[in-house]
All heavy atoms as atom14 arrays in JSON, in Angstrom:
{
  "sequence": "FGPYGSYPGPLYAAATLLTFPILILFILFSR",
  "atom14_mask": [
    [1, 1, 1, 1, 1, 1, 1, 1, 1, 1, 1, 0, 0, 0],
    [1, 1, 1, 1, 0, 0, 0, 0, 0, 0, 0, 0, 0, 0],
    [1, 1, 1, 1, 1, 1, 1, 0, 0, 0, 0, 0, 0, 0],
    [1, 1, 1, 1, 1, 1, 1, 1, 1, 1, 1, 1, 0, 0],
    [1, 1, 1, 1, 0, 0, 0, 0, 0, 0, 0, 0, 0, 0],
    [1, 1, 1, 1, 1, 1, 0, 0, 0, 0, 0, 0, 0, 0],
    [1, 1, 1, 1, 1, 1, 1, 1, 1, 1, 1, 1, 0, 0],
    [1, 1, 1, 1, 1, 1, 1, 0, 0, 0, 0, 0, 0, 0],
    [1, 1, 1, 1, 0, 0, 0, 0, 0, 0, 0, 0, 0, 0],
    [1, 1, 1, 1, 1, 1, 1, 0, 0, 0, 0, 0, 0, 0],
    [1, 1, 1, 1, 1, 1, 1, 1, 0, 0, 0, 0, 0, 0],
    [1, 1, 1, 1, 1, 1, 1, 1, 1, 1, 1, 1, 0, 0],
    [1, 1, 1, 1, 1, 0, 0, 0, 0, 0, 0, 0, 0, 0],
    [1, 1, 1, 1, 1, 0, 0, 0, 0, 0, 0, 0, 0, 0],
    [1, 1, 1, 1, 1, 0, 0, 0, 0, 0, 0, 0, 0, 0],
    [1, 1, 1, 1, 1, 1, 1, 0, 0, 0, 0, 0, 0, 0],
    [1, 1, 1, 1, 1, 1, 1, 1, 0, 0, 0, 0, 0, 0],
    [1, 1, 1, 1, 1, 1, 1, 1, 0, 0, 0, 0, 0, 0],
    [1, 1, 1, 1, 1, 1, 1, 0, 0, 0, 0, 0, 0, 0],
    [1, 1, 1, 1, 1, 1, 1, 1, 1, 1, 1, 0, 0, 0],
    [1, 1, 1, 1, 1, 1, 1, 0, 0, 0, 0, 0, 0, 0],
    [1, 1, 1, 1, 1, 1, 1, 1, 0, 0, 0, 0, 0, 0],
    [1, 1, 1, 1, 1, 1, 1, 1, 0, 0, 0, 0, 0, 0],
    [1, 1, 1, 1, 1, 1, 1, 1, 0, 0, 0, 0, 0, 0],
    [1, 1, 1, 1, 1, 1, 1, 1, 0, 0, 0, 0, 0, 0],
    [1, 1, 1, 1, 1, 1, 1, 1, 1, 1, 1, 0, 0, 0],
    [1, 1, 1, 1, 1, 1, 1, 1, 0, 0, 0, 0, 0, 0],
    [1, 1, 1, 1, 1, 1, 1, 1, 0, 0, 0, 0, 0, 0],
    [1, 1, 1, 1, 1, 1, 1, 1, 1, 1, 1, 0, 0, 0],
    [1, 1, 1, 1, 1, 1, 0, 0, 0, 0, 0, 0, 0, 0],
    [1, 1, 1, 1, 1, 1, 1, 1, 1, 1, 1, 0, 0, 0]
  ],
  "atom14_positions": [
    [[7.45, -13.78, -13.46], [6.51, -14.72, -14.08], [6.98, -15.16, -15.46], [6.74, -16.27, -15.87], [5.12, -14.09, -14.17], [4.31, -14.25, -12.92], [4.05, -13.17, -12.1], [3.84, -15.49, -12.54], [3.32, -13.33, -10.94], [3.11, -15.66, -11.38], [2.85, -14.57, -10.58], [0.0, 0.0, 0.0], [0.0, 0.0, 0.0], [0.0, 0.0, 0.0]],
    [[7.64, -14.25, -16.18], [8.13, -14.62, -17.51], [9.29, -15.59, -17.45], [9.16, -16.78, -17.77], [0.0, 0.0, 0.0], [0.0, 0.0, 0.0], [0.0, 0.0, 0.0], [0.0, 0.0, 0.0], [0.0, 0.0, 0.0], [0.0, 0.0, 0.0], [0.0, 0.0, 0.0], [0.0, 0.0, 0.0], [0.0, 0.0, 0.0], [0.0, 0.0, 0.0]],
    [[10.47, -15.14, -16.97], [11.63, -16.03, -16.96], [11.51, -17.2, -16.0], [12.21, -18.19, -16.15], [12.77, -15.1, -16.55], [12.11, -13.97, -15.84], [10.8, -13.8, -16.51], [0.0, 0.0, 0.0], [0.0, 0.0, 0.0], [0.0, 0.0, 0.0], [0.0, 0.0, 0.0], [0.0, 0.0, 0.0], [0.0, 0.0, 0.0], [0.0, 0.0, 0.0]],
    [[10.63, -17.08, -14.99], [10.53, -18.16, -14.01], [9.2, -18.92, -14.13], [8.72, -19.5, -13.17], [10.69, -17.6, -12.59], [12.12, -17.3, -12.26], [12.7, -16.11, -12.71], [12.9, -18.19, -11.54], [14.03, -15.83, -12.44], [14.23, -17.92, -11.27], [14.78, -16.74, -11.72], [16.1, -16.46, -11.47], [0.0, 0.0, 0.0], [0.0, 0.0, 0.0]],
    [[8.64, -18.89, -15.33], [7.4, -19.62, -15.54], [7.55, -21.12, -15.34], [6.6, -21.81, -15.01], [0.0, 0.0, 0.0], [0.0, 0.0, 0.0], [0.0, 0.0, 0.0], [0.0, 0.0, 0.0], [0.0, 0.0, 0.0], [0.0, 0.0, 0.0], [0.0, 0.0, 0.0], [0.0, 0.0, 0.0], [0.0, 0.0, 0.0], [0.0, 0.0, 0.0]],
    [[8.78, -21.61, -15.54], [9.03, -23.04, -15.36], [9.33, -23.39, -13.9], [9.59, -24.55, -13.58], [10.21, -23.48, -16.24], [11.36, -22.72, -15.95], [0.0, 0.0, 0.0], [0.0, 0.0, 0.0], [0.0, 0.0, 0.0], [0.0, 0.0, 0.0], [0.0, 0.0, 0.0], [0.0, 0.0, 0.0], [0.0, 0.0, 0.0], [0.0, 0.0, 0.0]],
    [[9.32, -22.37, -13.02], [9.54, -22.59, -11.59], [8.36, -22.01, -10.79], [8.51, -21.08, -10.02], [10.84, -21.92, -11.12], [12.07, -22.46, -11.79], [12.6, -21.82, -12.9], [12.7, -23.61, -11.31], [13.73, -22.32, -13.53], [13.84, -24.11, -11.93], [14.35, -23.47, -13.04], [15.47, -23.95, -13.66], [0.0, 0.0, 0.0], [0.0, 0.0, 0.0]],
    [[7.18, -22.56, -10.98], [6.0, -22.0, -10.29], [6.03, -22.21, -8.79], [5.43, -21.44, -8.04], [4.83, -22.73, -10.95], [5.42, -24.04, -11.4], [6.82, -23.73, -11.82], [0.0, 0.0, 0.0], [0.0, 0.0, 0.0], [0.0, 0.0, 0.0], [0.0, 0.0, 0.0], [0.0, 0.0, 0.0], [0.0, 0.0, 0.0], [0.0, 0.0, 0.0]],
    [[6.71, -23.25, -8.32], [6.77, -23.51, -6.88], [7.31, -22.34, -6.09], [6.68, -21.88, -5.14], [0.0, 0.0, 0.0], [0.0, 0.0, 0.0], [0.0, 0.0, 0.0], [0.0, 0.0, 0.0], [0.0, 0.0, 0.0], [0.0, 0.0, 0.0], [0.0, 0.0, 0.0], [0.0, 0.0, 0.0], [0.0, 0.0, 0.0], [0.0, 0.0, 0.0]],
    [[8.5, -21.82, -6.44], [9.03, -20.66, -5.73], [8.14, -19.42, -5.84], [8.08, -18.62, -4.9], [10.38, -20.43, -6.4], [10.78, -21.77, -6.91], [9.49, -22.42, -7.34], [0.0, 0.0, 0.0], [0.0, 0.0, 0.0], [0.0, 0.0, 0.0], [0.0, 0.0, 0.0], [0.0, 0.0, 0.0], [0.0, 0.0, 0.0], [0.0, 0.0, 0.0]],
    [[7.44, -19.29, -6.97], [6.53, -18.15, -7.11], [5.38, -18.27, -6.11], [4.97, -17.28, -5.5], [5.99, -18.08, -8.53], [6.98, -17.65, -9.62], [6.33, -17.71, -10.99], [7.49, -16.26, -9.35], [0.0, 0.0, 0.0], [0.0, 0.0, 0.0], [0.0, 0.0, 0.0], [0.0, 0.0, 0.0], [0.0, 0.0, 0.0], [0.0, 0.0, 0.0]],
    [[4.85, -19.47, -5.96], [3.8, -19.69, -4.97], [4.33, -19.46, -3.55], [3.64, -18.9, -2.7], [3.23, -21.1, -5.08], [2.31, -21.32, -6.25], [2.56, -22.31, -7.2], [1.18, -20.53, -6.4], [1.7, -22.5, -8.28], [0.31, -20.72, -7.47], [0.59, -21.71, -8.41], [-0.26, -21.89, -9.47], [0.0, 0.0, 0.0], [0.0, 0.0, 0.0]],
    [[5.55, -19.89, -3.29], [6.14, -19.7, -1.97], [6.32, -18.2, -1.67], [6.02, -17.74, -0.57], [7.48, -20.43, -1.88], [0.0, 0.0, 0.0], [0.0, 0.0, 0.0], [0.0, 0.0, 0.0], [0.0, 0.0, 0.0], [0.0, 0.0, 0.0], [0.0, 0.0, 0.0], [0.0, 0.0, 0.0], [0.0, 0.0, 0.0], [0.0, 0.0, 0.0]],
    [[6.82, -17.46, -2.65], [7.0, -16.01, -2.46], [5.66, -15.31, -2.27], [5.52, -14.4, -1.44], [7.74, -15.42, -3.66], [0.0, 0.0, 0.0], [0.0, 0.0, 0.0], [0.0, 0.0, 0.0], [0.0, 0.0, 0.0], [0.0, 0.0, 0.0], [0.0, 0.0, 0.0], [0.0, 0.0, 0.0], [0.0, 0.0, 0.0], [0.0, 0.0, 0.0]],
    [[4.65, -15.74, -3.04], [3.32, -15.14, -2.88], [2.73, -15.46, -1.52], [2.03, -14.64, -0.92], [2.4, -15.65, -3.99], [0.0, 0.0, 0.0], [0.0, 0.0, 0.0], [0.0, 0.0, 0.0], [0.0, 0.0, 0.0], [0.0, 0.0, 0.0], [0.0, 0.0, 0.0], [0.0, 0.0, 0.0], [0.0, 0.0, 0.0], [0.0, 0.0, 0.0]],
    [[3.01, -16.65, -1.0], [2.55, -17.01, 0.35], [3.2, -16.12, 1.39], [2.54, -15.64, 2.32], [2.86, -18.49, 0.64], [2.22, -19.32, -0.32], [2.38, -18.87, 2.03], [0.0, 0.0, 0.0], [0.0, 0.0, 0.0], [0.0, 0.0, 0.0], [0.0, 0.0, 0.0], [0.0, 0.0, 0.0], [0.0, 0.0, 0.0], [0.0, 0.0, 0.0]],
    [[4.51, -15.9, 1.26], [5.2, -15.0, 2.18], [4.63, -13.59, 2.12], [4.6, -12.88, 3.12], [6.7, -14.98, 1.86], [7.48, -16.27, 2.11], [8.92, -16.1, 1.66], [7.42, -16.64, 3.59], [0.0, 0.0, 0.0], [0.0, 0.0, 0.0], [0.0, 0.0, 0.0], [0.0, 0.0, 0.0], [0.0, 0.0, 0.0], [0.0, 0.0, 0.0]],
    [[4.15, -13.21, 0.95], [3.6, -11.87, 0.76], [2.3, -11.68, 1.54], [1.96, -10.56, 1.92], [3.36, -11.62, -0.74], [3.09, -10.19, -1.2], [4.28, -9.3, -0.9], [2.76, -10.17, -2.67], [0.0, 0.0, 0.0], [0.0, 0.0, 0.0], [0.0, 0.0, 0.0], [0.0, 0.0, 0.0], [0.0, 0.0, 0.0], [0.0, 0.0, 0.0]],
    [[1.57, -12.76, 1.78], [0.29, -12.66, 2.48], [0.43, -12.74, 4.0], [-0.48, -12.33, 4.73], [-0.67, -13.77, 2.03], [-0.12, -15.05, 2.39], [-0.87, -13.71, 0.52], [0.0, 0.0, 0.0], [0.0, 0.0, 0.0], [0.0, 0.0, 0.0], [0.0, 0.0, 0.0], [0.0, 0.0, 0.0], [0.0, 0.0, 0.0], [0.0, 0.0, 0.0]],
    [[1.56, -13.26, 4.5], [1.68, -13.51, 5.93], [1.68, -12.25, 6.79], [1.04, -12.23, 7.85], [2.92, -14.36, 6.21], [2.62, -15.83, 6.29], [2.97, -16.68, 5.26], [1.96, -16.35, 7.39], [2.68, -18.03, 5.32], [1.67, -17.7, 7.47], [2.03, -18.54, 6.42], [0.0, 0.0, 0.0], [0.0, 0.0, 0.0], [0.0, 0.0, 0.0]],
    [[2.41, -11.2, 6.44], [2.41, -10.01, 7.31], [1.02, -9.44, 7.56], [0.7, -9.06, 8.69], [3.29, -9.02, 6.55], [4.19, -9.88, 5.74], [3.36, -11.05, 5.33], [0.0, 0.0, 0.0], [0.0, 0.0, 0.0], [0.0, 0.0, 0.0], [0.0, 0.0, 0.0], [0.0, 0.0, 0.0], [0.0, 0.0, 0.0], [0.0, 0.0, 0.0]],
    [[0.18, -9.39, 6.53], [-1.17, -8.86, 6.7], [-1.98, -9.78, 7.61], [-2.73, -9.31, 8.48], [-1.86, -8.7, 5.34], [-1.1, -7.67, 4.48], [-3.31, -8.28, 5.51], [-1.64, -7.52, 3.09], [0.0, 0.0, 0.0], [0.0, 0.0, 0.0], [0.0, 0.0, 0.0], [0.0, 0.0, 0.0], [0.0, 0.0, 0.0], [0.0, 0.0, 0.0]],
    [[-1.83, -11.08, 7.42], [-2.55, -12.04, 8.26], [-2.13, -11.92, 9.71], [-2.97, -11.91, 10.63], [-2.3, -13.46, 7.75], [-2.95, -14.6, 8.55], [-4.46, -14.48, 8.53], [-2.5, -15.95, 7.99], [0.0, 0.0, 0.0], [0.0, 0.0, 0.0], [0.0, 0.0, 0.0], [0.0, 0.0, 0.0], [0.0, 0.0, 0.0], [0.0, 0.0, 0.0]],
    [[-0.83, -11.81, 9.96], [-0.33, -11.69, 11.33], [-0.81, -10.4, 11.99], [-1.24, -10.4, 13.15], [1.21, -11.76, 11.33], [1.68, -13.15, 10.9], [1.77, -11.43, 12.71], [3.16, -13.27, 10.69], [0.0, 0.0, 0.0], [0.0, 0.0, 0.0], [0.0, 0.0, 0.0], [0.0, 0.0, 0.0], [0.0, 0.0, 0.0], [0.0, 0.0, 0.0]],
    [[-0.76, -9.29, 11.25], [-1.23, -8.02, 11.79], [-2.71, -8.08, 12.13], [-3.15, -7.56, 13.15], [-0.96, -6.89, 10.79], [0.46, -6.34, 10.74], [0.58, -5.31, 9.64], [0.86, -5.75, 12.07], [0.0, 0.0, 0.0], [0.0, 0.0, 0.0], [0.0, 0.0, 0.0], [0.0, 0.0, 0.0], [0.0, 0.0, 0.0], [0.0, 0.0, 0.0]],
    [[-3.49, -8.71, 11.26], [-4.93, -8.8, 11.53], [-5.2, -9.62, 12.78], [-6.07, -9.26, 13.59], [-5.65, -9.43, 10.33], [-7.14, -9.52, 10.53], [-7.94, -8.41, 10.33], [-7.72, -10.71, 10.94], [-9.32, -8.5, 10.52], [-9.09, -10.8, 11.13], [-9.89, -9.68, 10.92], [0.0, 0.0, 0.0], [0.0, 0.0, 0.0], [0.0, 0.0, 0.0]],
    [[-4.46, -10.7, 12.97], [-4.65, -11.53, 14.17], [-4.28, -10.75, 15.42], [-4.97, -10.79, 16.44], [-3.83, -12.82, 14.06], [-4.38, -13.71, 12.93], [-3.84, -13.59, 15.38], [-3.55, -14.95, 12.66], [0.0, 0.0, 0.0], [0.0, 0.0, 0.0], [0.0, 0.0, 0.0], [0.0, 0.0, 0.0], [0.0, 0.0, 0.0], [0.0, 0.0, 0.0]],
    [[-3.18, -10.0, 15.36], [-2.71, -9.25, 16.52], [-3.65, -8.12, 16.9], [-3.85, -7.82, 18.08], [-1.31, -8.7, 16.25], [-0.17, -9.72, 16.15], [1.14, -9.02, 15.79], [-0.01, -10.48, 17.46], [0.0, 0.0, 0.0], [0.0, 0.0, 0.0], [0.0, 0.0, 0.0], [0.0, 0.0, 0.0], [0.0, 0.0, 0.0], [0.0, 0.0, 0.0]],
    [[-4.25, -7.47, 15.88], [-5.07, -6.29, 16.14], [-6.56, -6.53, 15.85], [-7.31, -5.59, 15.66], [-4.59, -5.12, 15.27], [-3.2, -4.67, 15.58], [-2.14, -5.05, 14.78], [-2.93, -3.88, 16.69], [-0.85, -4.65, 15.06], [-1.65, -3.47, 16.99], [-0.6, -3.85, 16.17], [0.0, 0.0, 0.0], [0.0, 0.0, 0.0], [0.0, 0.0, 0.0]],
    [[-6.97, -7.8, 15.82], [-8.35, -8.1, 15.43], [-9.37, -7.48, 16.38], [-10.42, -6.99, 15.95], [-8.54, -9.63, 15.37], [-8.26, -10.22, 16.62], [0.0, 0.0, 0.0], [0.0, 0.0, 0.0], [0.0, 0.0, 0.0], [0.0, 0.0, 0.0], [0.0, 0.0, 0.0], [0.0, 0.0, 0.0], [0.0, 0.0, 0.0], [0.0, 0.0, 0.0]],
    [[-9.07, -7.48, 17.7], [-10.02, -6.92, 18.66], [-10.21, -5.42, 18.43], [-11.34, -4.93, 18.37], [-9.55, -7.18, 20.08], [-10.5, -6.66, 21.15], [-10.05, -7.06, 22.54], [-9.96, -8.51, 22.68], [-9.55, -9.1, 23.79], [-9.17, -8.39, 24.84], [-9.51, -10.43, 23.85], [0.0, 0.0, 0.0], [0.0, 0.0, 0.0], [0.0, 0.0, 0.0]]
  ]
}
C-alpha cells in the first residue's frame, strides 16, 4: 500500500483474487 499507492488498480485486482477462493468454496459446499 505504501510504495504502490500510485497503482491502486493492481491492489484492487489482488484483493479481488484474495476473495475468490472463499467464494468458490462456499458455492461448492453451500448445501
